[in-house]
Amino acid sequence: MVAMRGLIAAAFFASEAFVPLILTTRYHWSLGRPAWRSPPAR
């Protein structure tokens, strides 16, 4: 079905978009300073 193909394509593009996001968040968490919570450097 076309809807099924569209759903699979949407899931594929979503995973492709989320993988770098998850990797970057894991990288920041491994540093112990998430980018969105790190205070401004003084």
Protein backbone atom coordinates (compact mmCIF):
# COMPACT_ATOMS: atom_id res chain seq x y z
CA MET A 1 0.00 0.00 0.00
CA VAL A 2 1.10 3.56 -0.63
CA ALA A 3 0.29 4.56 2.97
CA MET A 4 2.50 1.78 4.31
CA ARG A 5 5.36 2.87 2.03
CA GLY A 6 4.93 6.47 3.18
CA LEU A 7 4.93 5.36 6.81
CA ILE A 8 8.14 3.38 6.32
CA ALA A 9 9.74 6.35 4.54
CA ALA A 10 8.68 8.70 7.35
CA ALA A 11 10.11 6.35 9.98
CA PHE A 12 13.35 6.05 8.00
CA PHE A 13 13.76 9.81 7.65
CA ALA A 14 12.89 10.31 11.35
CA SER A 15 15.54 7.78 12.40
CA GLU A 16 18.07 9.39 10.07
CA ALA A 17 17.33 12.76 11.68
CA PHE A 18 17.36 11.49 15.28
CA VAL A 19 20.56 9.42 15.14
CA PRO A 20 22.92 12.46 15.01
CA LEU A 21 20.79 14.18 17.68
CA ILE A 22 21.06 11.19 20.01
CA LEU A 23 24.79 10.91 19.34
CA THR A 24 25.40 14.58 20.11
CA THR A 25 23.31 14.45 23.29
CA ARG A 26 25.19 11.34 24.43
CA TYR A 27 28.46 13.10 23.66
CA HIS A 28 27.48 16.10 25.77
CA TRP A 29 26.22 13.86 28.60
CA SER A 30 29.50 11.92 28.55
CA LEU A 31 31.27 15.25 29.05
CA GLY A 32 28.96 15.89 32.00
CA ARG A 33 27.78 19.22 30.59
CA PRO A 34 24.73 19.09 28.32
CA ALA A 35 24.75 21.90 25.77
CA TRP A 36 21.29 23.14 26.78
CA ARG A 37 22.17 23.23 30.51
CA SER A 38 25.75 24.43 30.48
CA PRO A 39 26.08 27.82 32.18
CA PRO A 40 27.76 30.66 30.28
CA ALA A 41 31.52 30.65 30.71
CA ARG A 42 32.79 33.30 33.09
